[in-house]
Amino acid sequence: MLPPELPPLPALTRAECDLVDTYLEVLDLLGRINPARGGDTYRGLRAAQSLVGRATALRDALTLMHDRGESEVHAATLGRAIRVLDGERRSRLVALPPEDVAGS
């Protein structure tokens, strides 16, 4: 049985694609660093080291958009793309987990 087909991504400029992809990569890294989720320090350290490069890529994507005259972030369109790419689950890793999960 084939997995369900994902909805199509909205039409995005190359810079918007880079922005969305890099934003999600930053979320993934922040989720690995999140001290409220536990884990080992080495994993957090590696993610923090990688975060520097991904933050630079995020800045570069926004700079490219600005330089090309893309002066507005289209939240509805980019939000749809983020949802298609599993952004809701990925963003939950950055938030504090419920107290019963955090081991309080």
Protein backbone atom coordinates (compact mmCIF):
# COMPACT_ATOMS: atom_id res chain seq x y z
CA MET A 1 0.00 0.00 0.00
CA LEU A 2 1.35 3.41 -0.97
CA PRO A 3 1.55 6.22 1.61
CA PRO A 4 -0.96 9.04 1.11
CA GLU A 5 0.12 11.67 -1.38
CA LEU A 6 1.20 14.94 0.21
CA PRO A 7 -0.51 18.13 -0.89
CA PRO A 8 1.51 20.04 -3.46
CA LEU A 9 3.84 22.78 -2.32
CA PRO A 10 2.70 26.28 -3.24
CA ALA A 11 4.63 28.08 -5.97
CA LEU A 12 7.62 29.76 -4.35
CA THR A 13 10.59 31.76 -5.59
CA ARG A 14 13.98 30.12 -5.19
CA ALA A 15 14.76 32.50 -2.32
CA GLU A 16 11.47 31.61 -0.60
CA CYS A 17 12.32 27.91 -0.98
CA ASP A 18 15.71 28.55 0.60
CA LEU A 19 14.05 30.52 3.40
CA VAL A 20 11.56 27.74 4.18
CA ASP A 21 14.13 24.94 3.94
CA THR A 22 16.67 26.72 6.09
CA TYR A 23 14.06 27.82 8.64
CA LEU A 24 13.02 24.18 9.07
CA GLU A 25 16.65 23.10 9.42
CA VAL A 26 17.09 25.69 12.18
CA LEU A 27 13.97 24.34 13.92
CA ASP A 28 15.40 20.82 13.76
CA LEU A 29 18.66 21.99 15.30
CA LEU A 30 16.92 23.99 18.03
CA GLY A 31 14.83 20.93 18.82
CA ARG A 32 18.03 18.91 19.35
CA ILE A 33 19.44 21.66 21.59
CA ASN A 34 16.23 22.11 23.66
CA PRO A 35 17.35 21.36 27.24
CA ALA A 36 13.77 20.66 28.33
CA ARG A 37 13.76 17.59 26.09
CA GLY A 38 16.85 15.96 27.57
CA GLY A 39 19.45 14.09 25.61
CA ASP A 40 23.20 14.08 25.77
CA THR A 41 25.37 17.17 25.73
CA TYR A 42 27.37 16.05 22.69
CA ARG A 43 24.23 15.93 20.56
CA GLY A 44 23.31 19.45 21.72
CA LEU A 45 26.84 20.68 21.13
CA ARG A 46 26.89 19.35 17.56
CA ALA A 47 23.51 20.93 16.85
CA ALA A 48 24.65 24.27 18.31
CA GLN A 49 27.77 24.21 16.14
CA SER A 50 25.65 23.55 13.05
CA LEU A 51 23.20 26.28 14.01
CA VAL A 52 25.74 28.99 13.21
CA GLY A 53 25.99 27.92 9.58
CA ARG A 54 22.23 27.48 9.19
CA ALA A 55 21.58 30.93 10.71
CA THR A 56 23.97 32.39 8.13
CA ALA A 57 22.09 30.56 5.35
CA LEU A 58 18.80 31.90 6.72
CA ARG A 59 20.20 35.43 6.68
CA ASP A 60 21.46 34.92 3.13
CA ALA A 61 18.03 33.74 1.92
CA LEU A 62 16.36 36.81 3.42
CA THR A 63 19.06 39.08 2.00
CA LEU A 64 18.53 37.62 -1.46
CA MET A 65 14.77 38.15 -1.18
CA HIS A 66 15.31 41.75 -0.09
CA ASP A 67 17.88 42.44 -2.83
CA ARG A 68 15.49 41.08 -5.47
CA GLY A 69 12.75 43.40 -4.31
CA GLU A 70 10.76 40.74 -2.45
CA SER A 71 9.91 43.16 0.32
CA GLU A 72 7.10 41.17 1.89
CA VAL A 73 7.02 37.71 3.46
CA HIS A 74 3.81 36.05 2.31
CA ALA A 75 2.91 34.32 5.56
CA ALA A 76 -0.07 32.32 4.27
CA THR A 77 1.86 30.85 1.33
CA LEU A 78 5.05 30.18 3.27
CA GLY A 79 3.04 28.78 6.19
CA ARG A 80 1.35 26.34 3.81
CA ALA A 81 4.75 25.22 2.53
CA ILE A 82 6.04 24.79 6.09
CA ARG A 83 3.01 22.66 6.98
CA VAL A 84 3.47 20.42 3.93
CA LEU A 85 7.10 19.90 4.98
CA ASP A 86 6.10 18.74 8.50
CA GLY A 87 6.79 22.10 10.12
CA GLU A 88 4.15 21.70 12.81
CA ARG A 89 5.78 18.59 14.25
CA ARG A 90 9.24 20.06 13.86
CA SER A 91 8.28 23.29 15.64
CA ARG A 92 6.84 21.35 18.60
CA LEU A 93 10.36 20.08 19.34
CA VAL A 94 11.42 23.65 20.13
CA ALA A 95 8.58 24.26 22.61
CA LEU A 96 8.52 23.09 26.20
CA PRO A 97 7.04 19.62 26.46
CA PRO A 98 4.07 19.09 28.78
CA GLU A 99 5.17 18.76 32.41
CA ASP A 100 4.27 15.07 32.63
CA VAL A 101 6.56 14.33 29.66
CA ALA A 102 9.43 16.49 30.92
CA GLY A 103 9.88 14.33 34.00
CA SER A 104 8.87 16.95 36.58
